[in-house]
Amino acid sequence: MELLQINHIFLYIILAFVVSNLPFIGRYVSIVNTMIHENGHALAALLLNGKVYSIKLFHNTSGEAVTGQKGWFSSVVISYAGYTFSSITVYVCFMLISKGQSLFILYGFVFLAVLNLLLWIRNVYGALWLITFIMMCGWIIYSDKTEVQIFLAYFLSSILLTQSVSSALQIFMISLIRRKAAGDATSLASYTKIPAVLWGFLFFLQAIYVAIISIKDHFYS
């Protein structure tokens, strides 16, 4: 159990960063963040009395959530919710780990994956990814091997942390050079007339901030 002590969290973050940049497997594990991101859009739409028509997860780690909403305010909140929900989930995951509730993280990921598979996913790759992800997490949950469960909870949380930061940085960099191709930042710019680069910077800033406080609180909890 020593390897799983709290002071080894940076080893998991480094491992997550390295693995997420490997061919094939890196893209596979990074889809975890894509799923959370797109569910942020979906959750915001539902909370604002909108609709979720479909979610797609792609092999290049991009995703797409098609929602229906009414009004300017709803459009802004839904566009803003993706990166924000990823950051919030990072904080919740590390809070649960610090409280010794690693298994709840795995249950949470499985719940979201099943929900997406049953209700929203609309492309073959996304469905196959969800099925294999559910099978992997389910097998580890019911294997009753505590060390493996803790390892997977740490690893998935670290993947989410590194990807939430790197994807926010990527959208910020894109907004600097191609403001009309910067995804959510571009959408928010069209709704608010605030430049996409400022939205991109905000996404990156909040991702960095939440990552720092997640790690800090993890140490001092």
Protein backbone atom coordinates (compact mmCIF):
# COMPACT_ATOMS: atom_id res chain seq x y z
CA MET A 1 0.00 0.00 0.00
CA GLU A 2 2.98 2.35 0.33
CA LEU A 3 2.93 3.08 -3.37
CA LEU A 4 -0.58 4.42 -2.95
CA GLN A 5 0.26 6.89 -0.20
CA ILE A 6 -0.88 10.46 -0.68
CA ASN A 7 2.67 11.75 -1.21
CA HIS A 8 2.88 9.72 -4.41
CA ILE A 9 0.12 11.64 -6.18
CA PHE A 10 2.65 13.30 -8.49
CA LEU A 11 3.76 9.88 -9.70
CA TYR A 12 0.21 9.21 -10.83
CA ILE A 13 -0.01 12.59 -12.55
CA ILE A 14 3.28 11.95 -14.37
CA LEU A 15 2.12 8.45 -15.30
CA ALA A 16 -1.19 9.83 -16.57
CA PHE A 17 0.60 12.46 -18.65
CA VAL A 18 2.98 9.92 -20.19
CA VAL A 19 0.29 7.33 -20.92
CA SER A 20 -2.09 9.91 -22.42
CA ASN A 21 0.62 10.82 -24.94
CA LEU A 22 1.25 7.26 -26.08
CA PRO A 23 -0.09 6.07 -29.47
CA PHE A 24 -3.53 4.44 -29.38
CA ILE A 25 -3.78 3.79 -25.63
CA GLY A 26 -3.23 7.50 -24.96
CA ARG A 27 -6.24 8.44 -27.05
CA TYR A 28 -8.29 5.68 -25.47
CA VAL A 29 -7.75 6.83 -21.87
CA SER A 30 -8.07 10.52 -22.81
CA ILE A 31 -11.66 9.94 -23.93
CA VAL A 32 -12.51 9.90 -20.21
CA ASN A 33 -12.09 13.66 -20.19
CA THR A 34 -14.05 14.00 -23.43
CA MET A 35 -16.97 12.11 -21.90
CA ILE A 36 -16.96 14.33 -18.82
CA HIS A 37 -16.64 17.48 -20.96
CA GLU A 38 -19.58 16.61 -23.19
CA ASN A 39 -21.65 15.60 -20.18
CA GLY A 40 -21.03 19.07 -18.81
CA HIS A 41 -22.82 20.51 -21.82
CA ALA A 42 -25.60 17.92 -21.48
CA LEU A 43 -26.11 18.53 -17.76
CA ALA A 44 -26.27 22.29 -18.25
CA ALA A 45 -28.87 21.85 -20.98
CA LEU A 46 -31.03 19.64 -18.77
CA LEU A 47 -30.74 21.98 -15.78
CA LEU A 48 -31.93 24.85 -17.99
CA ASN A 49 -34.93 22.89 -19.25
CA GLY A 50 -33.29 22.15 -22.57
CA LYS A 51 -32.82 18.86 -24.39
CA VAL A 52 -29.91 16.56 -25.14
CA TYR A 53 -30.25 15.06 -28.62
CA SER A 54 -26.96 13.24 -28.96
CA ILE A 55 -23.38 12.91 -27.78
CA LYS A 56 -20.55 11.62 -29.94
CA LEU A 57 -17.07 10.55 -28.83
CA PHE A 58 -14.37 10.33 -31.50
CA HIS A 59 -11.10 8.39 -31.69
CA ASN A 60 -9.06 11.62 -31.90
CA THR A 61 -10.34 12.53 -28.38
CA SER A 62 -12.75 15.18 -29.66
CA GLY A 63 -16.45 15.06 -28.90
CA GLU A 64 -19.77 16.63 -29.76
CA ALA A 65 -22.90 17.25 -27.74
CA VAL A 66 -26.01 18.33 -29.63
CA THR A 67 -28.42 20.11 -27.31
CA GLY A 68 -31.60 22.10 -27.66
CA GLN A 69 -32.06 25.27 -25.66
CA LYS A 70 -33.96 28.53 -25.75
CA GLY A 71 -32.49 31.94 -25.22
CA TRP A 72 -29.14 33.66 -25.05
CA PHE A 73 -28.44 32.88 -21.40
CA SER A 74 -28.93 29.14 -21.86
CA SER A 75 -26.65 29.11 -24.90
CA VAL A 76 -23.88 30.87 -22.97
CA VAL A 77 -24.13 28.61 -19.91
CA ILE A 78 -24.21 25.41 -21.97
CA SER A 79 -21.19 26.47 -24.04
CA TYR A 80 -19.29 27.40 -20.88
CA ALA A 81 -20.19 24.22 -18.99
CA GLY A 82 -17.92 21.70 -20.77
CA TYR A 83 -14.47 22.73 -19.54
CA THR A 84 -15.94 23.87 -16.23
CA PHE A 85 -17.58 20.51 -15.53
CA SER A 86 -14.29 18.73 -16.27
CA SER A 87 -12.51 20.92 -13.72
CA ILE A 88 -15.24 20.44 -11.11
CA THR A 89 -15.07 16.67 -11.61
CA VAL A 90 -11.30 16.75 -11.08
CA TYR A 91 -11.81 18.46 -7.73
CA VAL A 92 -14.52 16.00 -6.66
CA CYS A 93 -12.39 13.00 -7.63
CA PHE A 94 -9.39 14.12 -5.59
CA MET A 95 -11.64 15.04 -2.67
CA LEU A 96 -13.10 11.52 -2.69
CA ILE A 97 -9.63 9.98 -2.88
CA SER A 98 -8.46 12.03 0.10
CA LYS A 99 -11.47 10.76 2.08
CA GLY A 100 -10.69 7.16 1.22
CA GLN A 101 -13.70 6.82 -1.09
CA SER A 102 -11.89 5.72 -4.24
CA LEU A 103 -14.56 3.17 -5.09
CA PHE A 104 -17.16 5.93 -5.45
CA ILE A 105 -15.05 7.40 -8.26
CA LEU A 106 -15.26 4.15 -10.22
CA TYR A 107 -18.99 3.88 -9.58
CA GLY A 108 -19.40 7.47 -10.77
CA PHE A 109 -17.53 6.88 -14.01
CA VAL A 110 -19.48 3.68 -14.68
CA PHE A 111 -22.79 5.43 -13.96
CA LEU A 112 -22.00 8.21 -16.44
CA ALA A 113 -20.79 5.75 -19.06
CA VAL A 114 -23.95 3.62 -18.77
CA LEU A 115 -26.15 6.74 -18.86
CA ASN A 116 -24.44 7.92 -22.04
CA LEU A 117 -24.63 4.51 -23.67
CA LEU A 118 -28.35 4.14 -22.98
CA LEU A 119 -29.53 7.67 -23.66
CA TRP A 120 -27.24 9.83 -25.72
CA ILE A 121 -24.37 8.22 -27.57
CA ARG A 122 -24.91 8.23 -31.34
CA ASN A 123 -21.74 6.96 -33.00
CA VAL A 124 -20.12 3.54 -33.25
CA TYR A 125 -16.73 4.46 -31.80
CA GLY A 126 -18.35 6.19 -28.86
CA ALA A 127 -20.53 3.15 -28.14
CA LEU A 128 -17.59 0.74 -28.39
CA TRP A 129 -15.47 2.92 -26.13
CA LEU A 130 -18.23 3.11 -23.52
CA ILE A 131 -18.80 -0.65 -23.59
CA THR A 132 -15.12 -1.49 -23.12
CA PHE A 133 -14.73 1.21 -20.44
CA ILE A 134 -17.75 -0.11 -18.51
CA MET A 135 -16.44 -3.68 -18.76
CA MET A 136 -12.98 -2.69 -17.53
CA CYS A 137 -14.24 -0.63 -14.57
CA GLY A 138 -16.93 -3.18 -13.77
CA TRP A 139 -14.45 -6.05 -13.70
CA ILE A 140 -12.13 -4.15 -11.36
CA ILE A 141 -15.01 -3.10 -9.08
CA TYR A 142 -16.28 -6.66 -8.69
CA SER A 143 -12.80 -8.21 -8.50
CA ASP A 144 -12.71 -6.95 -4.90
CA LYS A 145 -8.99 -6.15 -5.22
CA THR A 146 -8.69 -2.97 -3.19
CA GLU A 147 -5.20 -2.00 -4.35
CA VAL A 148 -6.20 -2.29 -8.00
CA GLN A 149 -9.36 -0.27 -7.38
CA ILE A 150 -7.39 2.49 -5.66
CA PHE A 151 -4.82 2.48 -8.44
CA LEU A 152 -7.49 2.84 -11.13
CA ALA A 153 -9.25 5.62 -9.20
CA TYR A 154 -5.97 7.53 -8.85
CA PHE A 155 -5.08 6.90 -12.49
CA LEU A 156 -8.43 7.97 -13.96
CA SER A 157 -8.52 11.05 -11.72
CA SER A 158 -5.00 11.96 -12.83
CA ILE A 159 -5.92 11.41 -16.48
CA LEU A 160 -8.85 13.75 -16.00
CA LEU A 161 -6.63 16.34 -14.31
CA THR A 162 -3.92 16.31 -16.97
CA GLN A 163 -6.40 16.25 -19.85
CA SER A 164 -8.60 19.01 -18.42
CA VAL A 165 -5.53 21.25 -18.29
CA SER A 166 -4.01 20.20 -21.63
CA SER A 167 -7.31 20.43 -23.54
CA ALA A 168 -7.96 23.89 -22.07
CA LEU A 169 -4.44 24.93 -23.05
CA GLN A 170 -5.00 23.58 -26.55
CA ILE A 171 -8.22 25.54 -27.02
CA PHE A 172 -6.49 28.66 -25.72
CA MET A 173 -3.65 28.24 -28.21
CA ILE A 174 -6.11 27.64 -31.06
CA SER A 175 -8.04 30.77 -30.09
CA LEU A 176 -4.83 32.77 -30.45
CA ILE A 177 -4.28 31.82 -34.08
CA ARG A 178 -7.66 30.57 -35.39
CA ARG A 179 -10.36 32.23 -33.35
CA LYS A 180 -13.12 30.83 -35.57
CA ALA A 181 -12.02 27.24 -34.93
CA ALA A 182 -11.72 27.34 -31.15
CA GLY A 183 -14.75 25.25 -30.26
CA ASP A 184 -16.55 26.43 -27.14
CA ALA A 185 -14.47 29.62 -27.03
CA THR A 186 -15.67 30.48 -30.54
CA SER A 187 -19.29 29.76 -29.60
CA LEU A 188 -19.04 31.95 -26.51
CA ALA A 189 -17.44 34.72 -28.55
CA SER A 190 -20.36 34.67 -30.99
CA TYR A 191 -22.88 34.84 -28.14
CA THR A 192 -21.16 37.48 -26.00
CA LYS A 193 -18.95 39.43 -28.44
CA ILE A 194 -16.09 38.83 -26.01
CA PRO A 195 -13.05 37.63 -28.03
CA ALA A 196 -12.52 33.88 -28.20
CA VAL A 197 -8.98 34.27 -26.90
CA LEU A 198 -10.31 35.63 -23.60
CA TRP A 199 -12.65 32.69 -23.22
CA GLY A 200 -9.81 30.34 -24.09
CA PHE A 201 -7.61 31.97 -21.48
CA LEU A 202 -10.41 31.70 -18.90
CA PHE A 203 -10.80 27.97 -19.60
CA PHE A 204 -7.06 27.45 -19.18
CA LEU A 205 -6.84 29.62 -16.07
CA GLN A 206 -9.67 27.84 -14.29
CA ALA A 207 -8.30 24.41 -15.24
CA ILE A 208 -4.89 25.32 -13.77
CA TYR A 209 -6.47 26.81 -10.65
CA VAL A 210 -8.68 23.79 -9.96
CA ALA A 211 -5.78 21.40 -10.60
CA ILE A 212 -3.64 23.27 -8.07
CA ILE A 213 -6.28 23.43 -5.35
CA SER A 214 -7.22 19.78 -5.96
CA ILE A 215 -3.64 18.68 -5.34
CA LYS A 216 -3.17 21.11 -2.45
CA ASP A 217 -6.36 20.08 -0.69
CA HIS A 218 -5.43 16.46 -1.27
CA PHE A 219 -2.22 16.96 0.68
CA TYR A 220 -3.77 18.89 3.57
CA SER A 221 -7.06 17.03 3.98
